[in-house]
PDB file of N, CA and C in Angstrom:
ATOM      1  N   MET A   1       0.873  -1.142  -0.126  1.00  0.00           N
ATOM      2  CA  MET A   1       0.016   0.036  -0.013  1.00  0.00           C
ATOM      3  C   MET A   1       0.857   1.292  -0.043  1.00  0.00           C
ATOM      4  N   ASP A   2       1.917   1.175   0.744  1.00  0.00           N
ATOM      5  CA  ASP A   2       2.887   2.387   0.693  1.00  0.00           C
ATOM      6  C   ASP A   2       3.362   2.639  -0.712  1.00  0.00           C
ATOM      7  N   GLU A   3       3.637   1.654  -1.437  1.00  0.00           N
ATOM      8  CA  GLU A   3       4.173   1.720  -2.890  1.00  0.00           C
ATOM      9  C   GLU A   3       3.048   2.561  -3.711  1.00  0.00           C
ATOM     10  N   LYS A   4       1.816   2.174  -3.482  1.00  0.00           N
ATOM     11  CA  LYS A   4       0.711   2.843  -4.205  1.00  0.00           C
ATOM     12  C   LYS A   4       0.657   4.370  -3.905  1.00  0.00           C
ATOM     13  N   VAL A   5       0.828   4.711  -2.586  1.00  0.00           N
ATOM     14  CA  VAL A   5       0.861   6.063  -2.143  1.00  0.00           C
ATOM     15  C   VAL A   5       2.020   6.739  -2.687  1.00  0.00           C
ATOM     16  N   ALA A   6       3.160   6.169  -2.658  1.00  0.00           N
ATOM     17  CA  ALA A   6       4.407   6.784  -3.178  1.00  0.00           C
ATOM     18  C   ALA A   6       4.218   7.061  -4.751  1.00  0.00           C
ATOM     19  N   GLU A   7       3.692   6.113  -5.460  1.00  0.00           N
ATOM     20  CA  GLU A   7       3.482   6.348  -6.804  1.00  0.00           C
ATOM     21  C   GLU A   7       2.460   7.392  -7.078  1.00  0.00           C
ATOM     22  N   ARG A   8       1.512   7.427  -6.359  1.00  0.00           N
ATOM     23  CA  ARG A   8       0.503   8.655  -6.648  1.00  0.00           C
ATOM     24  C   ARG A   8       1.202   9.919  -6.253  1.00  0.00           C
ATOM     25  N   ILE A   9       1.929   9.990  -5.242  1.00  0.00           N
ATOM     26  CA  ILE A   9       2.586  11.238  -4.887  1.00  0.00           C
ATOM     27  C   ILE A   9       3.561  11.658  -6.016  1.00  0.00           C
ATOM     28  N   LYS A  10       4.274  10.716  -6.627  1.00  0.00           N
ATOM     29  CA  LYS A  10       5.140  10.929  -7.666  1.00  0.00           C
ATOM     30  C   LYS A  10       4.331  11.509  -8.862  1.00  0.00           C
ATOM     31  N   ASN A  11       3.261  10.822  -9.181  1.00  0.00           N
ATOM     32  CA  ASN A  11       2.472  11.202 -10.337  1.00  0.00           C
ATOM     33  C   ASN A  11       1.815  12.613 -10.137  1.00  0.00           C
ATOM     34  N   ASN A  12       1.428  12.951  -8.918  1.00  0.00           N
ATOM     35  CA  ASN A  12       0.796  14.144  -8.643  1.00  0.00           C
ATOM     36  C   ASN A  12       1.858  15.268  -8.678  1.00  0.00           C
ATOM     37  N   LYS A  13       3.055  15.047  -8.192  1.00  0.00           N
ATOM     38  CA  LYS A  13       4.191  16.035  -8.432  1.00  0.00           C
ATOM     39  C   LYS A  13       4.374  16.381  -9.820  1.00  0.00           C
ATOM     40  N   GLY A  14       4.282  15.295 -10.750  1.00  0.00           N
ATOM     41  CA  GLY A  14       4.510  15.454 -12.086  1.00  0.00           C
ATOM     42  C   GLY A  14       3.377  16.276 -12.762  1.00  0.00           C
ATOM     43  N   ILE A  15       2.209  16.031 -12.353  1.00  0.00           N
ATOM     44  CA  ILE A  15       0.967  16.939 -12.819  1.00  0.00           C
ATOM     45  C   ILE A  15       1.255  18.272 -12.259  1.00  0.00           C
ATOM     46  N   LEU A  16       1.597  18.481 -11.078  1.00  0.00           N
ATOM     47  CA  LEU A  16       1.727  19.836 -10.539  1.00  0.00           C
ATOM     48  C   LEU A  16       2.791  20.567 -11.351  1.00  0.00           C
ATOM     49  N   ARG A  17       3.926  19.909 -11.620  1.00  0.00           N
ATOM     50  CA  ARG A  17       4.985  20.597 -12.441  1.00  0.00           C
ATOM     51  C   ARG A  17       4.360  20.933 -13.777  1.00  0.00           C
ATOM     52  N   GLN A  18       3.552  20.131 -14.540  1.00  0.00           N
ATOM     53  CA  GLN A  18       3.014  20.509 -15.857  1.00  0.00           C
ATOM     54  C   GLN A  18       1.966  21.712 -15.590  1.00  0.00           C
ATOM     55  N   LEU A  19       1.198  21.658 -14.571  1.00  0.00           N
ATOM     56  CA  LEU A  19       0.255  22.720 -14.327  1.00  0.00           C
ATOM     57  C   LEU A  19       0.959  24.090 -14.142  1.00  0.00           C
ATOM     58  N   THR A  20       2.009  23.991 -13.333  1.00  0.00           N
ATOM     59  CA  THR A  20       2.852  25.247 -13.039  1.00  0.00           C
ATOM     60  C   THR A  20       3.444  25.730 -14.276  1.00  0.00           C
ATOM     61  N   ALA A  21       3.876  24.851 -15.164  1.00  0.00           N
ATOM     62  CA  ALA A  21       4.488  25.364 -16.457  1.00  0.00           C
ATOM     63  C   ALA A  21       3.542  26.017 -17.265  1.00  0.00           C
ATOM     64  N   LEU A  22       2.308  25.325 -17.405  1.00  0.00           N
ATOM     65  CA  LEU A  22       1.281  25.921 -18.126  1.00  0.00           C
ATOM     66  C   LEU A  22       0.791  27.237 -17.779  1.00  0.00           C
ATOM     67  N   ASN A  23       0.642  27.452 -16.333  1.00  0.00           N
ATOM     68  CA  ASN A  23       0.204  28.661 -15.632  1.00  0.00           C
ATOM     69  C   ASN A  23       1.238  29.786 -16.030  1.00  0.00           C
ATOM     70  N   ASN A  24       2.484  29.390 -16.027  1.00  0.00           N
ATOM     71  CA  ASN A  24       3.610  30.348 -16.378  1.00  0.00           C
ATOM     72  C   ASN A  24       3.417  30.766 -17.740  1.00  0.00           C
ATOM     73  N   GLU A  25       3.142  29.826 -18.756  1.00  0.00           N
ATOM     74  CA  GLU A  25       3.100  30.254 -20.080  1.00  0.00           C
ATOM     75  C   GLU A  25       1.762  31.076 -20.252  1.00  0.00           C
ATOM     76  N   VAL A  26       0.659  30.766 -19.593  1.00  0.00           N
ATOM     77  CA  VAL A  26      -0.461  31.645 -19.731  1.00  0.00           C
ATOM     78  C   VAL A  26      -0.144  33.117 -19.226  1.00  0.00           C
ATOM     79  N   LYS A  27       0.510  33.221 -18.164  1.00  0.00           N
ATOM     80  CA  LYS A  27       0.983  34.507 -17.668  1.00  0.00           C
ATOM     81  C   LYS A  27       1.771  35.278 -18.652  1.00  0.00           C
ATOM     82  N   GLU A  28       2.749  34.594 -19.173  1.00  0.00           N
ATOM     83  CA  GLU A  28       3.630  35.133 -20.243  1.00  0.00           C
ATOM     84  C   GLU A  28       2.791  35.614 -21.450  1.00  0.00           C
ATOM     85  N   LEU A  29       1.957  34.791 -21.919  1.00  0.00           N
ATOM     86  CA  LEU A  29       0.996  35.140 -23.059  1.00  0.00           C
ATOM     87  C   LEU A  29       0.241  36.410 -22.767  1.00  0.00           C
ATOM     88  N   LYS A  30      -0.364  36.453 -21.577  1.00  0.00           N
ATOM     89  CA  LYS A  30      -1.191  37.575 -21.185  1.00  0.00           C
ATOM     90  C   LYS A  30      -0.494  38.802 -21.111  1.00  0.00           C
ATOM     91  N   SER A  31       0.830  38.773 -20.604  1.00  0.00           N
ATOM     92  CA  SER A  31       1.692  39.988 -20.626  1.00  0.00           C
ATOM     93  C   SER A  31       1.979  40.399 -21.994  1.00  0.00           C
ATOM     94  N   ARG A  32       2.187  39.467 -22.935  1.00  0.00           N
ATOM     95  CA  ARG A  32       2.629  39.782 -24.334  1.00  0.00           C
ATOM     96  C   ARG A  32       1.333  40.397 -24.932  1.00  0.00           C
ATOM     97  N   VAL A  33       0.094  39.884 -24.669  1.00  0.00           N
ATOM     98  CA  VAL A  33      -1.065  40.503 -25.351  1.00  0.00           C
ATOM     99  C   VAL A  33      -1.202  41.800 -24.935  1.00  0.00           C
ATOM    100  N   LYS A  34      -1.074  42.106 -23.582  1.00  0.00           N
ATOM    101  CA  LYS A  34      -1.220  43.524 -23.054  1.00  0.00           C
ATOM    102  C   LYS A  34      -0.294  44.451 -23.665  1.00  0.00           C
ATOM    103  N   ALA A  35       0.993  43.980 -23.905  1.00  0.00           N
ATOM    104  CA  ALA A  35       2.029  44.819 -24.559  1.00  0.00           C
ATOM    105  C   ALA A  35       1.546  45.075 -26.004  1.00  0.00           C
ATOM    106  N   LEU A  36       1.101  44.062 -26.740  1.00  0.00           N
ATOM    107  CA  LEU A  36       0.595  44.265 -28.120  1.00  0.00           C
ATOM    108  C   LEU A  36      -0.604  45.296 -28.177  1.00  0.00           C
ATOM    109  N   GLU A  37      -1.515  45.120 -27.171  1.00  0.00           N
ATOM    110  CA  GLU A  37      -2.646  45.968 -27.190  1.00  0.00           C
ATOM    111  C   GLU A  37      -2.209  47.514 -26.903  1.00  0.00           C
ATOM    112  N   LYS A  38      -1.240  47.579 -26.063  1.00  0.00           N
ATOM    113  CA  LYS A  38      -0.766  48.915 -25.855  1.00  0.00           C
ATOM    114  C   LYS A  38      -0.102  49.622 -27.091  1.00  0.00           C
ATOM    115  N   ARG A  39       0.650  48.645 -27.682  1.00  0.00           N
ATOM    116  CA  ARG A  39       1.445  49.172 -28.848  1.00  0.00           C
ATOM    117  C   ARG A  39       0.523  49.466 -30.052  1.00  0.00           C
ATOM    118  N   ASP A  40      -0.493  48.606 -30.251  1.00  0.00           N
ATOM    119  CA  ASP A  40      -1.449  48.666 -31.351  1.00  0.00           C
ATOM    120  C   ASP A  40      -2.832  49.011 -30.929  1.00  0.00           C
ATOM    121  N   SER A  41      -3.140  50.235 -30.714  1.00  0.00           N
ATOM    122  CA  SER A  41      -4.348  50.489 -30.046  1.00  0.00           C
ATOM    123  C   SER A  41      -5.553  50.629 -31.091  1.00  0.00           C
ATOM    124  N   CYS A  42      -5.385  50.203 -32.271  1.00  0.00           N
ATOM    125  CA  CYS A  42      -6.533  50.284 -33.303  1.00  0.00           C
ATOM    126  C   CYS A  42      -7.361  48.929 -33.021  1.00  0.00           C
ATOM    127  N   TYR A  43      -6.785  48.001 -32.231  1.00  0.00           N
ATOM    128  CA  TYR A  43      -7.541  46.871 -31.878  1.00  0.00           C
ATOM    129  C   TYR A  43      -8.326  46.921 -30.560  1.00  0.00           C
ATOM    130  N   LEU A  44      -9.424  46.316 -30.538  1.00  0.00           N
ATOM    131  CA  LEU A  44     -10.191  46.359 -29.133  1.00  0.00           C
ATOM    132  C   LEU A  44      -9.357  45.694 -28.120  1.00  0.00           C
ATOM    133  N   THR A  45      -9.412  46.165 -26.819  1.00  0.00           N
ATOM    134  CA  THR A  45      -8.740  45.495 -25.812  1.00  0.00           C
ATOM    135  C   THR A  45      -9.647  44.256 -25.362  1.00  0.00           C
ATOM    136  N   GLU A  46      -9.161  43.389 -24.509  1.00  0.00           N
ATOM    137  CA  GLU A  46      -9.915  42.373 -24.120  1.00  0.00           C
ATOM    138  C   GLU A  46     -11.286  42.798 -23.359  1.00  0.00           C
ATOM    139  N   GLU A  47     -11.071  43.740 -22.605  1.00  0.00           N
ATOM    140  CA  GLU A  47     -12.230  44.335 -21.817  1.00  0.00           C
ATOM    141  C   GLU A  47     -13.314  44.759 -22.802  1.00  0.00           C
ATOM    142  N   GLU A  48     -12.873  45.485 -23.824  1.00  0.00           N
ATOM    143  CA  GLU A  48     -13.741  46.090 -24.852  1.00  0.00           C
ATOM    144  C   GLU A  48     -14.521  44.807 -25.692  1.00  0.00           C
ATOM    145  N   LEU A  49     -13.693  43.892 -25.960  1.00  0.00           N
ATOM    146  CA  LEU A  49     -14.300  42.673 -26.571  1.00  0.00           C
ATOM    147  C   LEU A  49     -15.465  42.082 -25.685  1.00  0.00           C
ATOM    148  N   LEU A  50     -15.145  41.901 -24.419  1.00  0.00           N
ATOM    149  CA  LEU A  50     -16.122  41.368 -23.540  1.00  0.00           C
ATOM    150  C   LEU A  50     -17.369  42.152 -23.411  1.00  0.00           C
ATOM    151  N   ARG A  51     -17.294  43.621 -23.486  1.00  0.00           N
ATOM    152  CA  ARG A  51     -18.317  44.478 -23.392  1.00  0.00           C
ATOM    153  C   ARG A  51     -19.137  44.354 -24.760  1.00  0.00           C
ATOM    154  N   GLU A  52     -18.472  44.124 -25.821  1.00  0.00           N
ATOM    155  CA  GLU A  52     -19.214  43.924 -27.172  1.00  0.00           C
ATOM    156  C   GLU A  52     -20.017  42.709 -27.063  1.00  0.00           C
ATOM    157  N   LYS A  53     -19.407  41.632 -26.538  1.00  0.00           N
ATOM    158  CA  LYS A  53     -20.220  40.336 -26.509  1.00  0.00           C
ATOM    159  C   LYS A  53     -21.327  40.416 -25.647  1.00  0.00           C
ATOM    160  N   VAL A  54     -21.268  41.267 -24.487  1.00  0.00           N
ATOM    161  CA  VAL A  54     -22.495  41.469 -23.564  1.00  0.00           C
ATOM    162  C   VAL A  54     -23.534  42.284 -24.117  1.00  0.00           C
ATOM    163  N   GLY A  55     -23.114  43.045 -25.093  1.00  0.00           N
ATOM    164  CA  GLY A  55     -24.187  43.925 -25.652  1.00  0.00           C
ATOM    165  C   GLY A  55     -23.840  45.323 -25.541  1.00  0.00           C
ATOM    166  N   GLY A  56     -22.541  45.693 -25.302  1.00  0.00           N
ATOM    167  CA  GLY A  56     -22.134  47.132 -25.112  1.00  0.00           C
ATOM    168  C   GLY A  56     -22.622  47.850 -23.914  1.00  0.00           C
ATOM    169  N   THR A  57     -23.072  47.089 -22.936  1.00  0.00           N
ATOM    170  CA  THR A  57     -23.444  47.776 -21.705  1.00  0.00           C
ATOM    171  C   THR A  57     -22.250  48.008 -20.782  1.00  0.00           C
ATOM    172  N   ASP A  58     -22.232  49.242 -20.132  1.00  0.00           N
ATOM    173  CA  ASP A  58     -21.171  49.523 -19.182  1.00  0.00           C
ATOM    174  C   ASP A  58     -21.636  49.343 -17.827  1.00  0.00           C
ATOM    175  N   PRO A  59     -20.960  48.566 -16.987  1.00  0.00           N
ATOM    176  CA  PRO A  59     -21.467  48.292 -15.618  1.00  0.00           C
ATOM    177  C   PRO A  59     -21.612  49.444 -14.720  1.00  0.00           C
ATOM    178  N   ASP A  60     -21.063  50.617 -15.036  1.00  0.00           N
ATOM    179  CA  ASP A  60     -21.177  51.835 -14.144  1.00  0.00           C
ATOM    180  C   ASP A  60     -22.713  52.390 -14.212  1.00  0.00           C
TER     181      ASP A  60
END
């Protein structure tokens, strides 16, 4: 039974490493998108796109 627990721990650590790597990639991509949005303001920002999808309403 201890071997099964050790194997599960090993598998979970591997999964955690993968999730951490993916999370870091997502953060990097988000920062790159923000930089591109600032550089090229002719495109709608993510917030503006969301407002368009909701129907153009402003929450204020």
